[in-house]
Amino acid sequence: MAKSKNSANILLINTFLILTTVVLFACSGGKKEKNSPTSPSEKQQQITQKQTESTHTILPSASNGDFEKVKEFLEKGADVNEKDGDGRTALMYASFNGYKQIVEELLKYNADVNLTDINGRSALMFAASGPFPGTVKILLEKDAEPNIQDKVEHFTAFMFSAAEGQLENIKILLEYGANPNLKDVDGEDALMFAQNNGHTKVVDYLKSL
């Protein structure tokens, strides 16, 4: 079995309120596993929101996909950029789950698309990990920065898409200036992420660039 990323990175992923740790196994020996936000197939096993979360904030509604409740909060003047204890906003939660309508509504109320959580991760990074090209495109159209690297592993949105095999996201990110050659703290780039996780279509596409 390939060697795991360090425990600090596993904890980094686990801190997301509705995330569970996902370890992406390398397809060949000698490669380290890469951790990534939970893929859609694992969402049925996700941990529910922290009990300390208040039902009087916009965050749980955005996380649960409750558009009407989100809209109600916004119309009543809720802080669209409110952060929880981990620095995450409603836009980050909605983006992670691909709630396109909620993302659009939050942006209409001037949600800051480039805010990052305590680990330096943006809404675009969370959206890029799932099969949500529409959400990715909306964020980029609102000037989401495609090349932000997080504070801990130096991951980018492009790396998350590559690690999860999200080819459509990759194509859109490239259209908006994503740099496929950026490297994480281990010196690995998006192509290596895709190779390590057996995403042959992504590998072939990146090699053709």
Protein backbone atom coordinates (compact mmCIF):
# COMPACT_ATOMS: atom_id res chain seq x y z
CA MET A 1 0.00 0.00 0.00
CA ALA A 2 1.24 3.48 -0.80
CA LYS A 3 2.35 5.72 2.00
CA SER A 4 -0.27 8.13 3.34
CA LYS A 5 0.00 11.89 3.40
CA ASN A 6 0.85 13.18 6.85
CA SER A 7 -1.80 13.17 9.56
CA ALA A 8 -1.93 16.96 9.59
CA ASN A 9 -3.30 16.95 6.06
CA ILE A 10 -5.88 14.27 6.95
CA LEU A 11 -7.05 16.49 9.81
CA LEU A 12 -7.11 19.43 7.43
CA ILE A 13 -9.65 17.67 5.23
CA ASN A 14 -11.65 16.33 8.17
CA THR A 15 -12.29 19.79 9.59
CA PHE A 16 -14.76 20.65 6.85
CA LEU A 17 -18.11 20.40 8.62
CA ILE A 18 -19.76 18.05 6.15
CA LEU A 19 -16.65 16.23 5.05
CA THR A 20 -15.20 12.90 5.88
CA THR A 21 -11.60 12.10 5.05
CA VAL A 22 -11.05 10.66 1.58
CA VAL A 23 -7.77 8.95 0.85
CA LEU A 24 -7.13 8.58 -2.86
CA PHE A 25 -4.92 5.56 -3.40
CA ALA A 26 -2.06 5.73 -5.86
CA CYS A 27 -2.25 3.30 -8.74
CA SER A 28 1.39 2.26 -8.41
CA GLY A 29 3.86 1.67 -5.59
CA GLY A 30 6.11 4.37 -4.21
CA LYS A 31 3.55 7.17 -4.65
CA LYS A 32 1.93 8.92 -1.74
CA GLU A 33 -1.82 9.01 -1.37
CA LYS A 34 -3.46 12.32 -2.03
CA ASN A 35 -6.29 13.63 0.10
CA SER A 36 -9.09 15.56 -1.49
CA PRO A 37 -12.50 16.94 -0.50
CA THR A 38 -15.11 14.19 -0.42
CA SER A 39 -16.16 12.93 -3.82
CA PRO A 40 -19.87 12.68 -4.70
CA SER A 41 -19.90 8.90 -4.16
CA GLU A 42 -18.94 9.37 -0.52
CA LYS A 43 -21.43 12.10 0.25
CA GLN A 44 -23.98 9.63 1.62
CA GLN A 45 -21.52 8.86 4.41
CA GLN A 46 -20.77 12.47 5.28
CA ILE A 47 -20.80 13.72 8.80
CA THR A 48 -23.67 16.05 9.66
CA GLN A 49 -23.07 19.62 10.67
CA LYS A 50 -21.45 20.46 13.99
CA GLN A 51 -23.94 20.59 16.81
CA THR A 52 -22.55 23.95 17.77
CA GLU A 53 -23.74 25.44 14.50
CA SER A 54 -26.59 27.85 15.04
CA THR A 55 -29.82 27.51 13.08
CA HIS A 56 -29.98 31.30 13.16
CA THR A 57 -27.23 31.72 10.60
CA ILE A 58 -27.22 31.28 6.84
CA LEU A 59 -24.52 28.60 6.90
CA PRO A 60 -26.60 25.46 7.63
CA SER A 61 -29.16 26.40 4.99
CA ALA A 62 -26.47 26.87 2.37
CA SER A 63 -24.88 23.57 3.35
CA ASN A 64 -28.19 21.70 3.20
CA GLY A 65 -29.25 23.15 -0.14
CA ASP A 66 -32.26 24.99 1.25
CA PHE A 67 -32.58 27.72 -1.37
CA GLU A 68 -35.73 29.30 0.04
CA LYS A 69 -34.20 29.60 3.50
CA VAL A 70 -30.99 31.07 2.08
CA LYS A 71 -33.02 33.58 0.10
CA GLU A 72 -35.01 34.48 3.21
CA PHE A 73 -31.84 35.07 5.22
CA LEU A 74 -30.40 37.28 2.49
CA GLU A 75 -33.58 39.31 2.10
CA LYS A 76 -33.53 39.95 5.85
CA GLY A 77 -30.00 41.31 5.64
CA ALA A 78 -27.91 38.33 6.69
CA ASP A 79 -24.16 38.72 6.33
CA VAL A 80 -23.47 36.96 3.04
CA ASN A 81 -19.80 36.60 3.97
CA GLU A 82 -20.38 35.25 7.47
CA LYS A 83 -17.71 32.74 8.48
CA ASP A 84 -17.87 29.81 10.86
CA GLY A 85 -15.11 28.86 13.28
CA ASP A 86 -13.09 27.32 10.45
CA GLY A 87 -13.40 30.39 8.26
CA ARG A 88 -15.92 28.85 5.87
CA THR A 89 -18.72 30.80 4.25
CA ALA A 90 -22.11 29.96 2.80
CA LEU A 91 -20.58 30.24 -0.67
CA MET A 92 -17.98 27.60 0.20
CA TYR A 93 -20.62 25.18 1.49
CA ALA A 94 -22.92 25.68 -1.48
CA SER A 95 -20.02 25.38 -3.91
CA PHE A 96 -18.78 22.14 -2.35
CA ASN A 97 -22.19 20.57 -2.84
CA GLY A 98 -22.77 22.02 -6.29
CA TYR A 99 -25.85 23.99 -5.27
CA LYS A 100 -25.75 26.20 -8.32
CA GLN A 101 -28.92 28.16 -7.58
CA ILE A 102 -27.72 29.02 -4.09
CA VAL A 103 -24.29 29.97 -5.39
CA GLU A 104 -25.91 32.34 -7.89
CA GLU A 105 -28.10 33.87 -5.18
CA LEU A 106 -25.17 34.41 -2.83
CA LEU A 107 -23.17 36.04 -5.61
CA LYS A 108 -26.12 38.27 -6.42
CA TYR A 109 -25.80 39.57 -2.86
CA ASN A 110 -22.08 40.19 -3.42
CA ALA A 111 -20.60 37.17 -1.70
CA ASP A 112 -16.82 37.49 -1.82
CA VAL A 113 -15.77 34.79 -4.26
CA ASN A 114 -12.12 34.80 -3.19
CA LEU A 115 -12.45 34.54 0.57
CA THR A 116 -10.52 31.59 1.97
CA ASP A 117 -10.96 29.46 5.06
CA ILE A 118 -8.35 29.01 7.77
CA ASN A 119 -6.50 26.57 5.51
CA GLY A 120 -6.44 29.00 2.60
CA ARG A 121 -9.10 27.19 0.56
CA SER A 122 -11.61 29.07 -1.57
CA ALA A 123 -15.11 28.30 -2.81
CA LEU A 124 -13.64 27.46 -6.21
CA MET A 125 -11.43 24.78 -4.68
CA PHE A 126 -14.43 23.12 -3.06
CA ALA A 127 -16.52 23.28 -6.24
CA ALA A 128 -13.66 21.94 -8.34
CA SER A 129 -13.52 18.69 -6.38
CA GLY A 130 -16.96 17.57 -7.58
CA PRO A 131 -18.87 17.09 -10.85
CA PHE A 132 -20.03 20.69 -10.86
CA PRO A 133 -18.69 22.40 -14.00
CA GLY A 134 -21.62 24.82 -13.98
CA THR A 135 -20.76 25.99 -10.48
CA VAL A 136 -17.07 26.19 -11.33
CA LYS A 137 -17.86 28.35 -14.35
CA ILE A 138 -20.14 30.69 -12.40
CA LEU A 139 -17.44 31.30 -9.80
CA LEU A 140 -14.83 31.96 -12.46
CA GLU A 141 -17.17 34.34 -14.29
CA LYS A 142 -17.35 36.28 -11.01
CA ASP A 143 -13.55 36.57 -10.95
CA ALA A 144 -12.68 33.63 -8.75
CA GLU A 145 -8.90 33.32 -8.73
CA PRO A 146 -8.04 29.94 -10.31
CA ASN A 147 -4.46 29.76 -9.06
CA ILE A 148 -4.87 30.27 -5.32
CA GLN A 149 -2.80 27.71 -3.43
CA ASP A 150 -3.85 26.68 0.05
CA LYS A 151 -1.66 27.41 3.05
CA VAL A 152 -0.90 23.85 4.09
CA GLU A 153 -0.37 21.65 1.03
CA HIS A 154 -0.31 24.32 -1.70
CA PHE A 155 -3.20 22.57 -3.44
CA THR A 156 -5.07 24.44 -6.19
CA ALA A 157 -8.56 24.09 -7.62
CA PHE A 158 -6.95 22.51 -10.68
CA MET A 159 -5.24 19.87 -8.52
CA PHE A 160 -8.51 18.99 -6.81
CA SER A 161 -10.21 18.50 -10.18
CA ALA A 162 -7.33 16.36 -11.41
CA ALA A 163 -7.29 14.24 -8.24
CA GLU A 164 -11.03 13.60 -8.61
CA GLY A 165 -10.95 13.03 -12.37
CA GLN A 166 -13.18 16.01 -13.14
CA LEU A 167 -12.21 16.63 -16.75
CA GLU A 168 -14.94 19.17 -17.52
CA ASN A 169 -13.84 21.27 -14.56
CA ILE A 170 -10.26 21.10 -15.80
CA LYS A 171 -11.22 22.38 -19.25
CA ILE A 172 -13.15 25.29 -17.76
CA LEU A 173 -10.36 26.17 -15.34
CA LEU A 174 -7.89 26.27 -18.21
CA GLU A 175 -10.16 28.64 -20.14
CA TYR A 176 -9.98 31.03 -17.20
CA GLY A 177 -6.23 30.94 -16.77
CA ALA A 178 -5.55 28.05 -14.41
CA ASN A 179 -1.90 27.06 -14.36
CA PRO A 180 -1.60 23.25 -14.74
CA ASN A 181 2.07 23.29 -13.79
CA LEU A 182 1.84 24.57 -10.22
CA LYS A 183 3.17 22.12 -7.64
CA ASP A 184 2.16 21.21 -4.11
CA VAL A 185 4.54 21.04 -1.15
CA ASP A 186 5.76 17.63 -2.32
CA GLY A 187 6.62 18.94 -5.77
CA GLU A 188 3.70 17.15 -7.42
CA ASP A 189 1.49 18.78 -10.04
CA ALA A 190 -2.02 18.09 -11.33
CA LEU A 191 -0.82 15.52 -13.86
CA MET A 192 0.76 13.51 -11.06
CA PHE A 193 -2.47 13.71 -9.05
CA ALA A 194 -4.40 12.28 -11.98
CA GLN A 195 -1.79 9.58 -12.63
CA ASN A 196 -1.67 8.54 -8.98
CA ASN A 197 -5.43 8.05 -8.94
CA GLY A 198 -5.87 6.30 -12.26
CA HIS A 199 -7.79 9.03 -14.08
CA THR A 200 -6.57 8.10 -17.55
CA LYS A 201 -8.80 10.53 -19.45
CA VAL A 202 -7.47 13.42 -17.41
CA VAL A 203 -3.90 12.16 -17.80
CA ASP A 204 -4.26 11.90 -21.58
CA TYR A 205 -5.83 15.35 -21.79
CA LEU A 206 -3.15 17.03 -19.69
CA LYS A 207 -0.39 15.35 -21.66
CA SER A 208 -1.91 16.72 -24.86
CA LEU A 209 -1.70 20.34 -23.73
